[in-house]
Each structure stands twice: as structure tokens, then as C-alpha cells.
Amino acid sequence: YLNYEDILSDKEKIIKKIARFIDTELTDEIMARILERSSFSFMKKHEQKFGEQPPAWKVYDKFIRQGKIGEGKQAFSAEQLAEYKTLGQSFLAKNAYMERYFKE
């Protein structure tokens, strides 16, 4: 499992973890490209390329928001956040590693 906090704190380590998982070797050149293309500034600049959205919702200037930890929670209403936590707890109930993210 990956979480956003770990990606922000040590993106290169997480990329290497993903590469090991999919049995892919990373050169320095590939790593540099991944880091550049997965940066917040790159994704914000090319926002229209990310995320499938129904035509009625297509507001690409809001898909990539601020790239800050906890920022997504502010977009939820109290009811949506409660539903998210309920779904998350039921889906990940057997994974002790992820439990810490649903206790708040």
C-alpha cells in the first residue's frame, strides 16, 4: 500500500518501491523523468491529461488542487467524510498497516 504522505515525504523511495513491485529497473534518467512528470507543478500545468471525469463535471482546473497533505478532506462535507471513512474501514479492515489512517 502507498499513501500520499509517504509519497510527499520521500517520493524517490516510493517510486523505487513501485518499480520493485512491478519488477522494473530504473536508470537515473528514468528516475529523473518520473520525478519531473509526477511533480505537482508538472501535473498542474498538464491537468487536462489527468483524471477521467464525466462531461458534466469536467472542471480540470480543480482536479489537481494544492498537493498538500490533508487538503482533500477540506473538499468533503461532514457526511461525505463519514461515508469515506466507513467505506475505507470496511474495505481495509483486515490491514493493520492502514488502520492508522482511518482512526482520525
PDB file of N, CA and C in Angstrom:
ATOM      1  N   TYR A   1       0.824  -1.183   0.000  1.00  0.00           N
ATOM      2  CA  TYR A   1       0.000   0.000   0.000  1.00  0.00           C
ATOM      3  C   TYR A   1       0.869   1.248   0.000  1.00  0.00           C
ATOM      4  N   LEU A   2       0.350   2.273  -0.648  1.00  0.00           N
ATOM      5  CA  LEU A   2       1.012   3.566  -0.673  1.00  0.00           C
ATOM      6  C   LEU A   2       0.067   4.590  -0.077  1.00  0.00           C
ATOM      7  N   ASN A   3       0.625   5.597   0.509  1.00  0.00           N
ATOM      8  CA  ASN A   3      -0.221   6.704   0.936  1.00  0.00           C
ATOM      9  C   ASN A   3       0.446   8.008   0.536  1.00  0.00           C
ATOM     10  N   TYR A   4      -0.380   9.008   0.401  1.00  0.00           N
ATOM     11  CA  TYR A   4       0.061  10.302  -0.110  1.00  0.00           C
ATOM     12  C   TYR A   4       1.153  10.916   0.755  1.00  0.00           C
ATOM     13  N   GLU A   5       1.037  10.752   2.059  1.00  0.00           N
ATOM     14  CA  GLU A   5       2.016  11.323   2.976  1.00  0.00           C
ATOM     15  C   GLU A   5       3.416  10.768   2.704  1.00  0.00           C
ATOM     16  N   ASP A   6       3.507   9.456   2.467  1.00  0.00           N
ATOM     17  CA  ASP A   6       4.804   8.846   2.185  1.00  0.00           C
ATOM     18  C   ASP A   6       5.361   9.324   0.844  1.00  0.00           C
ATOM     19  N   ILE A   7       4.479   9.469  -0.134  1.00  0.00           N
ATOM     20  CA  ILE A   7       4.930   9.948  -1.440  1.00  0.00           C
ATOM     21  C   ILE A   7       5.504  11.354  -1.314  1.00  0.00           C
ATOM     22  N   LEU A   8       4.848  12.223  -0.570  1.00  0.00           N
ATOM     23  CA  LEU A   8       5.358  13.582  -0.403  1.00  0.00           C
ATOM     24  C   LEU A   8       6.642  13.620   0.401  1.00  0.00           C
ATOM     25  N   SER A   9       6.757  12.753   1.395  1.00  0.00           N
ATOM     26  CA  SER A   9       7.941  12.808   2.256  1.00  0.00           C
ATOM     27  C   SER A   9       9.180  12.197   1.604  1.00  0.00           C
ATOM     28  N   ASP A  10       9.007  11.183   0.729  1.00  0.00           N
ATOM     29  CA  ASP A  10      10.161  10.558   0.076  1.00  0.00           C
ATOM     30  C   ASP A  10       9.715   9.904  -1.230  1.00  0.00           C
ATOM     31  N   LYS A  11       9.449  10.739  -2.217  1.00  0.00           N
ATOM     32  CA  LYS A  11       8.905  10.253  -3.487  1.00  0.00           C
ATOM     33  C   LYS A  11       9.836   9.247  -4.167  1.00  0.00           C
ATOM     34  N   GLU A  12      11.128   9.509  -4.148  1.00  0.00           N
ATOM     35  CA  GLU A  12      12.061   8.610  -4.821  1.00  0.00           C
ATOM     36  C   GLU A  12      12.016   7.210  -4.208  1.00  0.00           C
ATOM     37  N   LYS A  13      11.958   7.130  -2.897  1.00  0.00           N
ATOM     38  CA  LYS A  13      11.867   5.833  -2.219  1.00  0.00           C
ATOM     39  C   LYS A  13      10.593   5.091  -2.640  1.00  0.00           C
ATOM     40  N   ILE A  14       9.483   5.794  -2.727  1.00  0.00           N
ATOM     41  CA  ILE A  14       8.218   5.168  -3.106  1.00  0.00           C
ATOM     42  C   ILE A  14       8.253   4.721  -4.561  1.00  0.00           C
ATOM     43  N   ILE A  15       8.854   5.512  -5.430  1.00  0.00           N
ATOM     44  CA  ILE A  15       8.981   5.123  -6.843  1.00  0.00           C
ATOM     45  C   ILE A  15       9.805   3.845  -6.964  1.00  0.00           C
ATOM     46  N   LYS A  16      10.883   3.756  -6.201  1.00  0.00           N
ATOM     47  CA  LYS A  16      11.702   2.541  -6.216  1.00  0.00           C
ATOM     48  C   LYS A  16      10.906   1.340  -5.703  1.00  0.00           C
ATOM     49  N   LYS A  17      10.071   1.559  -4.706  1.00  0.00           N
ATOM     50  CA  LYS A  17       9.219   0.502  -4.168  1.00  0.00           C
ATOM     51  C   LYS A  17       8.248  -0.006  -5.248  1.00  0.00           C
ATOM     52  N   ILE A  18       7.654   0.916  -5.972  1.00  0.00           N
ATOM     53  CA  ILE A  18       6.744   0.540  -7.056  1.00  0.00           C
ATOM     54  C   ILE A  18       7.505  -0.220  -8.145  1.00  0.00           C
ATOM     55  N   ALA A  19       8.683   0.260  -8.494  1.00  0.00           N
ATOM     56  CA  ALA A  19       9.494  -0.397  -9.523  1.00  0.00           C
ATOM     57  C   ALA A  19       9.838  -1.832  -9.125  1.00  0.00           C
ATOM     58  N   ARG A  20      10.207  -2.026  -7.858  1.00  0.00           N
ATOM     59  CA  ARG A  20      10.481  -3.397  -7.383  1.00  0.00           C
ATOM     60  C   ARG A  20       9.231  -4.257  -7.500  1.00  0.00           C
ATOM     61  N   PHE A  21       8.089  -3.702  -7.118  1.00  0.00           N
ATOM     62  CA  PHE A  21       6.827  -4.445  -7.157  1.00  0.00           C
ATOM     63  C   PHE A  21       6.481  -4.898  -8.574  1.00  0.00           C
ATOM     64  N   ILE A  22       6.727  -4.030  -9.555  1.00  0.00           N
ATOM     65  CA  ILE A  22       6.398  -4.393 -10.938  1.00  0.00           C
ATOM     66  C   ILE A  22       7.611  -4.945 -11.690  1.00  0.00           C
ATOM     67  N   ASP A  23       8.684  -5.227 -10.937  1.00  0.00           N
ATOM     68  CA  ASP A  23       9.887  -5.845 -11.477  1.00  0.00           C
ATOM     69  C   ASP A  23      10.457  -5.042 -12.653  1.00  0.00           C
ATOM     70  N   THR A  24      10.670  -3.767 -12.411  1.00  0.00           N
ATOM     71  CA  THR A  24      11.190  -2.855 -13.429  1.00  0.00           C
ATOM     72  C   THR A  24      12.446  -2.182 -12.916  1.00  0.00           C
ATOM     73  N   GLU A  25      13.449  -2.138 -13.761  1.00  0.00           N
ATOM     74  CA  GLU A  25      14.697  -1.480 -13.388  1.00  0.00           C
ATOM     75  C   GLU A  25      14.618   0.006 -13.730  1.00  0.00           C
ATOM     76  N   LEU A  26      15.126   0.823 -12.833  1.00  0.00           N
ATOM     77  CA  LEU A  26      15.125   2.271 -13.042  1.00  0.00           C
ATOM     78  C   LEU A  26      16.537   2.774 -13.268  1.00  0.00           C
ATOM     79  N   THR A  27      16.724   3.480 -14.354  1.00  0.00           N
ATOM     80  CA  THR A  27      18.000   4.166 -14.567  1.00  0.00           C
ATOM     81  C   THR A  27      17.879   5.556 -13.942  1.00  0.00           C
ATOM     82  N   ASP A  28      18.990   6.237 -13.818  1.00  0.00           N
ATOM     83  CA  ASP A  28      18.957   7.610 -13.299  1.00  0.00           C
ATOM     84  C   ASP A  28      18.112   8.507 -14.207  1.00  0.00           C
ATOM     85  N   GLU A  29      18.218   8.277 -15.512  1.00  0.00           N
ATOM     86  CA  GLU A  29      17.445   9.076 -16.476  1.00  0.00           C
ATOM     87  C   GLU A  29      15.935   8.840 -16.308  1.00  0.00           C
ATOM     88  N   ILE A  30      15.546   7.594 -16.149  1.00  0.00           N
ATOM     89  CA  ILE A  30      14.126   7.277 -15.963  1.00  0.00           C
ATOM     90  C   ILE A  30      13.623   7.858 -14.647  1.00  0.00           C
ATOM     91  N   MET A  31      14.418   7.730 -13.598  1.00  0.00           N
ATOM     92  CA  MET A  31      14.015   8.272 -12.295  1.00  0.00           C
ATOM     93  C   MET A  31      13.821   9.783 -12.394  1.00  0.00           C
ATOM     94  N   ALA A  32      14.739  10.460 -13.057  1.00  0.00           N
ATOM     95  CA  ALA A  32      14.625  11.917 -13.200  1.00  0.00           C
ATOM     96  C   ALA A  32      13.340  12.283 -13.940  1.00  0.00           C
ATOM     97  N   ARG A  33      13.025  11.527 -14.982  1.00  0.00           N
ATOM     98  CA  ARG A  33      11.798  11.812 -15.745  1.00  0.00           C
ATOM     99  C   ARG A  33      10.555  11.553 -14.904  1.00  0.00           C
ATOM    100  N   ILE A  34      10.553  10.465 -14.153  1.00  0.00           N
ATOM    101  CA  ILE A  34       9.411  10.160 -13.289  1.00  0.00           C
ATOM    102  C   ILE A  34       9.229  11.261 -12.253  1.00  0.00           C
ATOM    103  N   LEU A  35      10.311  11.679 -11.620  1.00  0.00           N
ATOM    104  CA  LEU A  35      10.218  12.726 -10.607  1.00  0.00           C
ATOM    105  C   LEU A  35       9.688  14.024 -11.205  1.00  0.00           C
ATOM    106  N   GLU A  36      10.155  14.365 -12.402  1.00  0.00           N
ATOM    107  CA  GLU A  36       9.696  15.596 -13.047  1.00  0.00           C
ATOM    108  C   GLU A  36       8.223  15.489 -13.437  1.00  0.00           C
ATOM    109  N   ARG A  37       7.835  14.361 -14.047  1.00  0.00           N
ATOM    110  CA  ARG A  37       6.463  14.204 -14.547  1.00  0.00           C
ATOM    111  C   ARG A  37       5.446  13.970 -13.431  1.00  0.00           C
ATOM    112  N   SER A  38       5.909  13.557 -12.271  1.00  0.00           N
ATOM    113  CA  SER A  38       4.983  13.349 -11.155  1.00  0.00           C
ATOM    114  C   SER A  38       5.000  14.520 -10.172  1.00  0.00           C
ATOM    115  N   SER A  39       5.710  15.584 -10.537  1.00  0.00           N
ATOM    116  CA  SER A  39       5.749  16.756  -9.665  1.00  0.00           C
ATOM    117  C   SER A  39       4.408  17.476  -9.704  1.00  0.00           C
ATOM    118  N   PHE A  40       4.101  18.150  -8.635  1.00  0.00           N
ATOM    119  CA  PHE A  40       2.849  18.899  -8.577  1.00  0.00           C
ATOM    120  C   PHE A  40       2.796  19.944  -9.684  1.00  0.00           C
ATOM    121  N   SER A  41       3.895  20.656  -9.893  1.00  0.00           N
ATOM    122  CA  SER A  41       3.891  21.723 -10.897  1.00  0.00           C
ATOM    123  C   SER A  41       3.649  21.170 -12.301  1.00  0.00           C
ATOM    124  N   PHE A  42       4.246  20.026 -12.627  1.00  0.00           N
ATOM    125  CA  PHE A  42       4.028  19.427 -13.945  1.00  0.00           C
ATOM    126  C   PHE A  42       2.573  18.984 -14.097  1.00  0.00           C
ATOM    127  N   MET A  43       2.053  18.306 -13.079  1.00  0.00           N
ATOM    128  CA  MET A  43       0.673  17.812 -13.173  1.00  0.00           C
ATOM    129  C   MET A  43      -0.319  18.962 -13.219  1.00  0.00           C
ATOM    130  N   LYS A  44      -0.077  20.020 -12.480  1.00  0.00           N
ATOM    131  CA  LYS A  44      -0.975  21.177 -12.512  1.00  0.00           C
ATOM    132  C   LYS A  44      -0.949  21.827 -13.897  1.00  0.00           C
ATOM    133  N   LYS A  45       0.234  21.940 -14.467  1.00  0.00           N
ATOM    134  CA  LYS A  45       0.379  22.543 -15.790  1.00  0.00           C
ATOM    135  C   LYS A  45      -0.317  21.712 -16.865  1.00  0.00           C
ATOM    136  N   HIS A  46      -0.345  20.382 -16.704  1.00  0.00           N
ATOM    137  CA  HIS A  46      -0.924  19.468 -17.694  1.00  0.00           C
ATOM    138  C   HIS A  46      -2.186  18.794 -17.159  1.00  0.00           C
ATOM    139  N   GLU A  47      -2.899  19.493 -16.361  1.00  0.00           N
ATOM    140  CA  GLU A  47      -4.059  18.967 -15.636  1.00  0.00           C
ATOM    141  C   GLU A  47      -5.094  18.303 -16.540  1.00  0.00           C
ATOM    142  N   GLN A  48      -5.283  18.795 -17.743  1.00  0.00           N
ATOM    143  CA  GLN A  48      -6.290  18.246 -18.630  1.00  0.00           C
ATOM    144  C   GLN A  48      -5.992  16.792 -19.014  1.00  0.00           C
ATOM    145  N   LYS A  49      -4.772  16.323 -18.786  1.00  0.00           N
ATOM    146  CA  LYS A  49      -4.388  14.947 -19.118  1.00  0.00           C
ATOM    147  C   LYS A  49      -4.685  13.967 -17.991  1.00  0.00           C
ATOM    148  N   PHE A  50      -5.093  14.464 -16.834  1.00  0.00           N
ATOM    149  CA  PHE A  50      -5.275  13.611 -15.672  1.00  0.00           C
ATOM    150  C   PHE A  50      -6.739  13.476 -15.307  1.00  0.00           C
ATOM    151  N   GLY A  51      -7.120  12.270 -14.957  1.00  0.00           N
ATOM    152  CA  GLY A  51      -8.428  12.029 -14.378  1.00  0.00           C
ATOM    153  C   GLY A  51      -9.577  12.055 -15.359  1.00  0.00           C
ATOM    154  N   GLU A  52     -10.214  10.920 -15.516  1.00  0.00           N
ATOM    155  CA  GLU A  52     -11.431  10.857 -16.318  1.00  0.00           C
ATOM    156  C   GLU A  52     -12.571  11.436 -15.507  1.00  0.00           C
ATOM    157  N   GLN A  53     -13.304  12.335 -16.093  1.00  0.00           N
ATOM    158  CA  GLN A  53     -14.431  12.959 -15.427  1.00  0.00           C
ATOM    159  C   GLN A  53     -15.616  12.956 -16.386  1.00  0.00           C
ATOM    160  N   PRO A  54     -16.815  12.732 -15.858  1.00  0.00           N
ATOM    161  CA  PRO A  54     -18.000  12.834 -16.713  1.00  0.00           C
ATOM    162  C   PRO A  54     -18.082  14.236 -17.311  1.00  0.00           C
ATOM    163  N   PRO A  55     -18.623  14.369 -18.532  1.00  0.00           N
ATOM    164  CA  PRO A  55     -18.670  15.679 -19.186  1.00  0.00           C
ATOM    165  C   PRO A  55     -19.283  16.779 -18.317  1.00  0.00           C
ATOM    166  N   ALA A  56     -20.290  16.450 -17.524  1.00  0.00           N
ATOM    167  CA  ALA A  56     -20.935  17.468 -16.691  1.00  0.00           C
ATOM    168  C   ALA A  56     -20.011  17.971 -15.579  1.00  0.00           C
ATOM    169  N   TRP A  57     -18.977  17.195 -15.221  1.00  0.00           N
ATOM    170  CA  TRP A  57     -18.074  17.567 -14.128  1.00  0.00           C
ATOM    171  C   TRP A  57     -16.771  18.171 -14.614  1.00  0.00           C
ATOM    172  N   LYS A  58     -16.497  18.142 -15.892  1.00  0.00           N
ATOM    173  CA  LYS A  58     -15.167  18.493 -16.391  1.00  0.00           C
ATOM    174  C   LYS A  58     -14.777  19.920 -16.032  1.00  0.00           C
ATOM    175  N   VAL A  59     -14.077  20.017 -14.940  1.00  0.00           N
ATOM    176  CA  VAL A  59     -13.515  21.284 -14.485  1.00  0.00           C
ATOM    177  C   VAL A  59     -12.062  20.982 -14.141  1.00  0.00           C
ATOM    178  N   TYR A  60     -11.221  20.930 -15.154  1.00  0.00           N
ATOM    179  CA  TYR A  60      -9.857  20.476 -14.944  1.00  0.00           C
ATOM    180  C   TYR A  60      -9.022  21.411 -14.092  1.00  0.00           C
ATOM    181  N   ASP A  61      -9.442  22.627 -13.909  1.00  0.00           N
ATOM    182  CA  ASP A  61      -8.659  23.498 -13.049  1.00  0.00           C
ATOM    183  C   ASP A  61      -8.892  23.177 -11.579  1.00  0.00           C
ATOM    184  N   LYS A  62      -9.685  22.163 -11.297  1.00  0.00           N
ATOM    185  CA  LYS A  62      -9.940  21.770  -9.916  1.00  0.00           C
ATOM    186  C   LYS A  62      -9.553  20.308  -9.651  1.00  0.00           C
ATOM    187  N   PHE A  63      -9.121  19.567 -10.678  1.00  0.00           N
ATOM    188  CA  PHE A  63      -8.770  18.161 -10.488  1.00  0.00           C
ATOM    189  C   PHE A  63      -7.477  18.035  -9.679  1.00  0.00           C
ATOM    190  N   ILE A  64      -6.465  18.778 -10.038  1.00  0.00           N
ATOM    191  CA  ILE A  64      -5.207  18.826  -9.277  1.00  0.00           C
ATOM    192  C   ILE A  64      -5.337  20.068  -8.397  1.00  0.00           C
ATOM    193  N   ARG A  65      -5.533  19.865  -7.111  1.00  0.00           N
ATOM    194  CA  ARG A  65      -5.838  21.001  -6.244  1.00  0.00           C
ATOM    195  C   ARG A  65      -4.567  21.678  -5.748  1.00  0.00           C
ATOM    196  N   GLN A  66      -4.114  21.379  -4.537  1.00  0.00           N
ATOM    197  CA  GLN A  66      -2.963  22.081  -3.968  1.00  0.00           C
ATOM    198  C   GLN A  66      -1.785  21.170  -3.674  1.00  0.00           C
ATOM    199  N   GLY A  67      -2.000  19.875  -3.659  1.00  0.00           N
ATOM    200  CA  GLY A  67      -0.913  18.945  -3.423  1.00  0.00           C
ATOM    201  C   GLY A  67      -0.416  18.926  -1.994  1.00  0.00           C
ATOM    202  N   LYS A  68      -1.301  19.259  -1.053  1.00  0.00           N
ATOM    203  CA  LYS A  68      -0.911  19.307   0.356  1.00  0.00           C
ATOM    204  C   LYS A  68      -1.587  18.180   1.127  1.00  0.00           C
ATOM    205  N   ILE A  69      -0.901  17.685   2.136  1.00  0.00           N
ATOM    206  CA  ILE A  69      -1.445  16.638   2.993  1.00  0.00           C
ATOM    207  C   ILE A  69      -2.673  17.170   3.720  1.00  0.00           C
ATOM    208  N   GLY A  70      -3.751  16.402   3.675  1.00  0.00           N
ATOM    209  CA  GLY A  70      -4.978  16.759   4.377  1.00  0.00           C
ATOM    210  C   GLY A  70      -5.884  17.704   3.610  1.00  0.00           C
ATOM    211  N   GLU A  71      -5.411  18.242   2.502  1.00  0.00           N
ATOM    212  CA  GLU A  71      -6.176  19.216   1.743  1.00  0.00           C
ATOM    213  C   GLU A  71      -7.453  18.618   1.164  1.00  0.00           C
ATOM    214  N   GLY A  72      -7.414  17.354   0.762  1.00  0.00           N
ATOM    215  CA  GLY A  72      -8.583  16.707   0.175  1.00  0.00           C
ATOM    216  C   GLY A  72      -9.752  16.610   1.136  1.00  0.00           C
ATOM    217  N   LYS A  73      -9.457  16.451   2.420  1.00  0.00           N
ATOM    218  CA  LYS A  73     -10.521  16.358   3.423  1.00  0.00           C
ATOM    219  C   LYS A  73     -11.366  17.620   3.461  1.00  0.00           C
ATOM    220  N   GLN A  74     -10.763  18.748   3.144  1.00  0.00           N
ATOM    221  CA  GLN A  74     -11.487  20.014   3.175  1.00  0.00           C
ATOM    222  C   GLN A  74     -12.540  20.102   2.070  1.00  0.00           C
ATOM    223  N   ALA A  75     -12.384  19.287   1.019  1.00  0.00           N
ATOM    224  CA  ALA A  75     -13.340  19.305  -0.087  1.00  0.00           C
ATOM    225  C   ALA A  75     -14.591  18.480   0.238  1.00  0.00           C
ATOM    226  N   PHE A  76     -14.532  17.648   1.281  1.00  0.00           N
ATOM    227  CA  PHE A  76     -15.661  16.800   1.671  1.00  0.00           C
ATOM    228  C   PHE A  76     -16.564  17.511   2.661  1.00  0.00           C
ATOM    229  N   SER A  77     -17.846  17.234   2.554  1.00  0.00           N
ATOM    230  CA  SER A  77     -18.770  17.657   3.611  1.00  0.00           C
ATOM    231  C   SER A  77     -18.585  16.676   4.766  1.00  0.00           C
ATOM    232  N   ALA A  78     -19.141  16.986   5.921  1.00  0.00           N
ATOM    233  CA  ALA A  78     -19.044  16.080   7.069  1.00  0.00           C
ATOM    234  C   ALA A  78     -19.646  14.723   6.735  1.00  0.00           C
ATOM    235  N   GLU A  79     -20.746  14.729   5.998  1.00  0.00           N
ATOM    236  CA  GLU A  79     -21.406  13.473   5.620  1.00  0.00           C
ATOM    237  C   GLU A  79     -20.539  12.667   4.647  1.00  0.00           C
ATOM    238  N   GLN A  80     -19.930  13.338   3.691  1.00  0.00           N
ATOM    239  CA  GLN A  80     -19.066  12.647   2.740  1.00  0.00           C
ATOM    240  C   GLN A  80     -17.838  12.060   3.433  1.00  0.00           C
ATOM    241  N   LEU A  81     -17.265  12.811   4.352  1.00  0.00           N
ATOM    242  CA  LEU A  81     -16.102  12.322   5.085  1.00  0.00           C
ATOM    243  C   LEU A  81     -16.465  11.102   5.922  1.00  0.00           C
ATOM    244  N   ALA A  82     -17.623  11.117   6.578  1.00  0.00           N
ATOM    245  CA  ALA A  82     -18.077   9.965   7.363  1.00  0.00           C
ATOM    246  C   ALA A  82     -18.277   8.754   6.462  1.00  0.00           C
ATOM    247  N   GLU A  83     -18.872   8.945   5.300  1.00  0.00           N
ATOM    248  CA  GLU A  83     -19.084   7.840   4.354  1.00  0.00           C
ATOM    249  C   GLU A  83     -17.756   7.288   3.852  1.00  0.00           C
ATOM    250  N   TYR A  84     -16.816   8.176   3.554  1.00  0.00           N
ATOM    251  CA  TYR A  84     -15.487   7.762   3.108  1.00  0.00           C
ATOM    252  C   TYR A  84     -14.806   6.908   4.174  1.00  0.00           C
ATOM    253  N   LYS A  85     -14.866   7.355   5.408  1.00  0.00           N
ATOM    254  CA  LYS A  85     -14.244   6.602   6.500  1.00  0.00           C
ATOM    255  C   LYS A  85     -14.916   5.251   6.684  1.00  0.00           C
ATOM    256  N   THR A  86     -16.232   5.210   6.590  1.00  0.00           N
ATOM    257  CA  THR A  86     -16.951   3.938   6.719  1.00  0.00           C
ATOM    258  C   THR A  86     -16.536   2.979   5.609  1.00  0.00           C
ATOM    259  N   LEU A  87     -16.518   3.452   4.382  1.00  0.00           N
ATOM    260  CA  LEU A  87     -16.112   2.607   3.262  1.00  0.00           C
ATOM    261  C   LEU A  87     -14.664   2.157   3.403  1.00  0.00           C
ATOM    262  N   GLY A  88     -13.817   3.077   3.793  1.00  0.00           N
ATOM    263  CA  GLY A  88     -12.404   2.743   3.971  1.00  0.00           C
ATOM    264  C   GLY A  88     -12.183   1.714   5.053  1.00  0.00           C
ATOM    265  N   GLN A  89     -12.872   1.866   6.160  1.00  0.00           N
ATOM    266  CA  GLN A  89     -12.726   0.912   7.260  1.00  0.00           C
ATOM    267  C   GLN A  89     -13.198  -0.474   6.853  1.00  0.00           C
ATOM    268  N   SER A  90     -14.314  -0.554   6.150  1.00  0.00           N
ATOM    269  CA  SER A  90     -14.810  -1.867   5.755  1.00  0.00           C
ATOM    270  C   SER A  90     -13.908  -2.502   4.707  1.00  0.00           C
ATOM    271  N   PHE A  91     -13.387  -1.698   3.792  1.00  0.00           N
ATOM    272  CA  PHE A  91     -12.525  -2.217   2.735  1.00  0.00           C
ATOM    273  C   PHE A  91     -11.165  -2.662   3.260  1.00  0.00           C
ATOM    274  N   LEU A  92     -10.625  -1.919   4.210  1.00  0.00           N
ATOM    275  CA  LEU A  92      -9.277  -2.190   4.704  1.00  0.00           C
ATOM    276  C   LEU A  92      -9.245  -2.782   6.113  1.00  0.00           C
ATOM    277  N   ALA A  93     -10.368  -3.299   6.562  1.00  0.00           N
ATOM    278  CA  ALA A  93     -10.470  -3.785   7.940  1.00  0.00           C
ATOM    279  C   ALA A  93      -9.416  -4.828   8.301  1.00  0.00           C
ATOM    280  N   LYS A  94      -8.982  -5.591   7.348  1.00  0.00           N
ATOM    281  CA  LYS A  94      -8.021  -6.653   7.644  1.00  0.00           C
ATOM    282  C   LYS A  94      -6.569  -6.217   7.500  1.00  0.00           C
ATOM    283  N   ASN A  95      -6.335  -4.967   7.253  1.00  0.00           N
ATOM    284  CA  ASN A  95      -4.978  -4.495   7.052  1.00  0.00           C
ATOM    285  C   ASN A  95      -4.581  -3.562   8.192  1.00  0.00           C
ATOM    286  N   ALA A  96      -3.836  -4.071   9.133  1.00  0.00           N
ATOM    287  CA  ALA A  96      -3.444  -3.290  10.315  1.00  0.00           C
ATOM    288  C   ALA A  96      -2.593  -2.076   9.931  1.00  0.00           C
ATOM    289  N   TYR A  97      -1.798  -2.183   8.873  1.00  0.00           N
ATOM    290  CA  TYR A  97      -0.952  -1.071   8.448  1.00  0.00           C
ATOM    291  C   TYR A  97      -1.788   0.153   8.109  1.00  0.00           C
ATOM    292  N   MET A  98      -2.933  -0.037   7.468  1.00  0.00           N
ATOM    293  CA  MET A  98      -3.759   1.076   7.024  1.00  0.00           C
ATOM    294  C   MET A  98      -4.705   1.592   8.100  1.00  0.00           C
ATOM    295  N   GLU A  99      -4.907   0.861   9.147  1.00  0.00           N
ATOM    296  CA  GLU A  99      -5.857   1.276  10.193  1.00  0.00           C
ATOM    297  C   GLU A  99      -5.562   2.671  10.726  1.00  0.00           C
ATOM    298  N   ARG A 100      -4.286   3.015  10.855  1.00  0.00           N
ATOM    299  CA  ARG A 100      -3.917   4.312  11.428  1.00  0.00           C
ATOM    300  C   ARG A 100      -4.453   5.488  10.619  1.00  0.00           C
ATOM    301  N   TYR A 101      -4.744   5.284   9.348  1.00  0.00           N
ATOM    302  CA  TYR A 101      -5.221   6.377   8.501  1.00  0.00           C
ATOM    303  C   TYR A 101      -6.726   6.589   8.615  1.00  0.00           C
ATOM    304  N   PHE A 102      -7.416   5.701   9.284  1.00  0.00           N
ATOM    305  CA  PHE A 102      -8.869   5.811   9.394  1.00  0.00           C
ATOM    306  C   PHE A 102      -9.330   6.025  10.832  1.00  0.00           C
ATOM    307  N   LYS A 103      -8.411   6.276  11.746  1.00  0.00           N
ATOM    308  CA  LYS A 103      -8.768   6.451  13.146  1.00  0.00           C
ATOM    309  C   LYS A 103      -9.107   7.888  13.491  1.00  0.00           C
ATOM    310  N   GLU A 104      -8.701   8.839  12.686  1.00  0.00           N
ATOM    311  CA  GLU A 104      -8.902  10.257  12.993  1.00  0.00           C
ATOM    312  C   GLU A 104     -10.368  10.618  13.040  1.00  0.00           C
TER     313      GLU A 104
END
